[in-house]
Amino acid sequence: MKMLVKPVFCACLAALSLVGGADARVPPEGQDSNQQAASQRRLKGQNLPVREIERRVVPRMPGAQYLGFDYDPATDIYTLKFLRNGSVIWVDADGRTGNIIRRTGD
């Protein structure tokens, strides 16, 4: 087991050097601020936790695979993404109530 530690460690270091340094760890512009805005609103009691919104919306999408969500702090809308039969479905939910506002896709 000890014999594997050094080669694995060296391989990890080599892989990290190929990533490109600190730039690889910087989130896409706006993503970090959106997450902070969502967290601040939730802590102030203005928005539901995203897990609560998922608990309300995901069961209403039978046969669809849940892919994740985006949050728009300007509108307090969570957009949940699903995949069903090769089609993407977008479900917008109100961050304050968890109610579905609109749905696009099949």
Protein backbone atom coordinates (compact mmCIF):
# COMPACT_ATOMS: atom_id res chain seq x y z
CA MET A 1 0.00 0.00 0.00
CA LYS A 2 2.83 2.39 0.89
CA MET A 3 4.36 1.78 -2.51
CA LEU A 4 1.28 3.27 -4.20
CA VAL A 5 1.21 6.52 -2.23
CA LYS A 6 4.18 8.21 -3.89
CA PRO A 7 3.20 7.41 -7.52
CA VAL A 8 -0.41 8.43 -6.91
CA PHE A 9 0.71 11.66 -5.23
CA CYS A 10 3.03 12.46 -8.14
CA ALA A 11 0.26 11.74 -10.66
CA CYS A 12 -2.09 14.08 -8.80
CA LEU A 13 0.51 16.86 -8.79
CA ALA A 14 1.13 16.37 -12.50
CA ALA A 15 -2.60 16.52 -13.23
CA LEU A 16 -2.97 19.71 -11.21
CA SER A 17 -0.14 21.36 -13.14
CA LEU A 18 -2.00 20.66 -16.39
CA VAL A 19 -5.20 22.33 -15.17
CA GLY A 20 -3.80 25.83 -15.48
CA GLY A 21 -3.42 27.10 -11.97
CA ALA A 22 -5.76 29.39 -10.08
CA ASP A 23 -7.87 30.29 -13.13
CA ALA A 24 -9.38 26.80 -13.10
CA ARG A 25 -10.82 27.39 -9.63
CA VAL A 26 -12.54 30.68 -10.42
CA PRO A 27 -16.28 30.16 -10.95
CA PRO A 28 -17.92 31.57 -14.09
CA GLU A 29 -18.72 35.25 -13.78
CA GLY A 30 -21.91 35.83 -11.80
CA GLN A 31 -22.20 32.29 -10.48
CA ASP A 32 -20.59 33.01 -7.12
CA SER A 33 -22.59 36.21 -6.61
CA ASN A 34 -25.85 34.38 -7.49
CA GLN A 35 -25.11 31.72 -4.91
CA GLN A 36 -24.32 34.36 -2.30
CA ALA A 37 -27.52 36.26 -3.09
CA ALA A 38 -29.59 33.07 -2.77
CA SER A 39 -27.91 32.22 0.53
CA GLN A 40 -28.43 35.71 1.96
CA ARG A 41 -32.12 35.75 1.03
CA ARG A 42 -32.60 32.28 2.55
CA LEU A 43 -30.87 33.31 5.78
CA LYS A 44 -33.10 36.39 6.03
CA GLY A 45 -36.17 34.19 5.58
CA GLN A 46 -37.03 35.73 2.24
CA ASN A 47 -36.51 32.55 0.20
CA LEU A 48 -37.05 28.87 0.78
CA PRO A 49 -33.97 26.64 0.82
CA VAL A 50 -33.33 25.16 -2.61
CA ARG A 51 -33.72 21.64 -1.18
CA GLU A 52 -37.28 22.54 -0.15
CA ILE A 53 -38.05 23.83 -3.64
CA GLU A 54 -36.61 20.63 -5.12
CA ARG A 55 -38.75 18.58 -2.70
CA ARG A 56 -41.86 20.32 -4.05
CA VAL A 57 -41.01 20.35 -7.77
CA VAL A 58 -39.13 17.12 -8.53
CA PRO A 59 -42.05 14.79 -7.64
CA ARG A 60 -44.22 16.72 -10.11
CA MET A 61 -41.92 15.63 -12.96
CA PRO A 62 -42.47 11.86 -13.21
CA GLY A 63 -40.20 10.05 -15.63
CA ALA A 64 -37.79 12.99 -15.87
CA GLN A 65 -34.20 13.02 -14.66
CA TYR A 66 -33.38 16.03 -12.48
CA LEU A 67 -30.19 17.75 -13.66
CA GLY A 68 -29.84 20.71 -11.32
CA PHE A 69 -30.87 24.34 -10.93
CA ASP A 70 -29.94 27.96 -11.56
CA TYR A 71 -30.95 30.95 -9.46
CA ASP A 72 -31.69 34.49 -10.69
CA PRO A 73 -31.36 36.95 -7.79
CA ALA A 74 -33.00 39.76 -9.78
CA THR A 75 -36.29 37.85 -9.95
CA ASP A 76 -35.93 35.34 -7.07
CA ILE A 77 -36.63 32.54 -9.54
CA TYR A 78 -35.06 29.10 -9.42
CA THR A 79 -34.92 27.33 -12.78
CA LEU A 80 -34.83 23.56 -12.33
CA LYS A 81 -33.60 21.51 -15.29
CA PHE A 82 -34.88 18.06 -16.21
CA LEU A 83 -34.28 15.58 -19.02
CA ARG A 84 -36.99 13.28 -20.36
CA ASN A 85 -36.80 11.22 -23.57
CA GLY A 86 -33.92 13.35 -24.87
CA SER A 87 -35.76 16.64 -24.30
CA VAL A 88 -34.77 19.30 -21.79
CA ILE A 89 -37.53 20.62 -19.56
CA TRP A 90 -37.12 23.91 -17.66
CA VAL A 91 -39.29 24.56 -14.61
CA ASP A 92 -39.28 28.03 -13.06
CA ALA A 93 -40.17 28.16 -9.37
CA ASP A 94 -40.72 31.19 -7.15
CA GLY A 95 -37.91 31.32 -4.59
CA ARG A 96 -40.22 32.77 -1.93
CA THR A 97 -43.07 30.26 -2.18
CA GLY A 98 -41.71 27.31 -4.14
CA ASN A 99 -44.69 27.54 -6.51
CA ILE A 100 -44.13 26.62 -10.14
CA ILE A 101 -44.38 29.75 -12.28
CA ARG A 102 -43.83 28.27 -15.74
CA ARG A 103 -42.62 25.17 -17.51
CA THR A 104 -41.04 24.92 -20.95
CA GLY A 105 -40.12 21.83 -22.94
CA ASP A 106 -41.65 18.39 -23.30
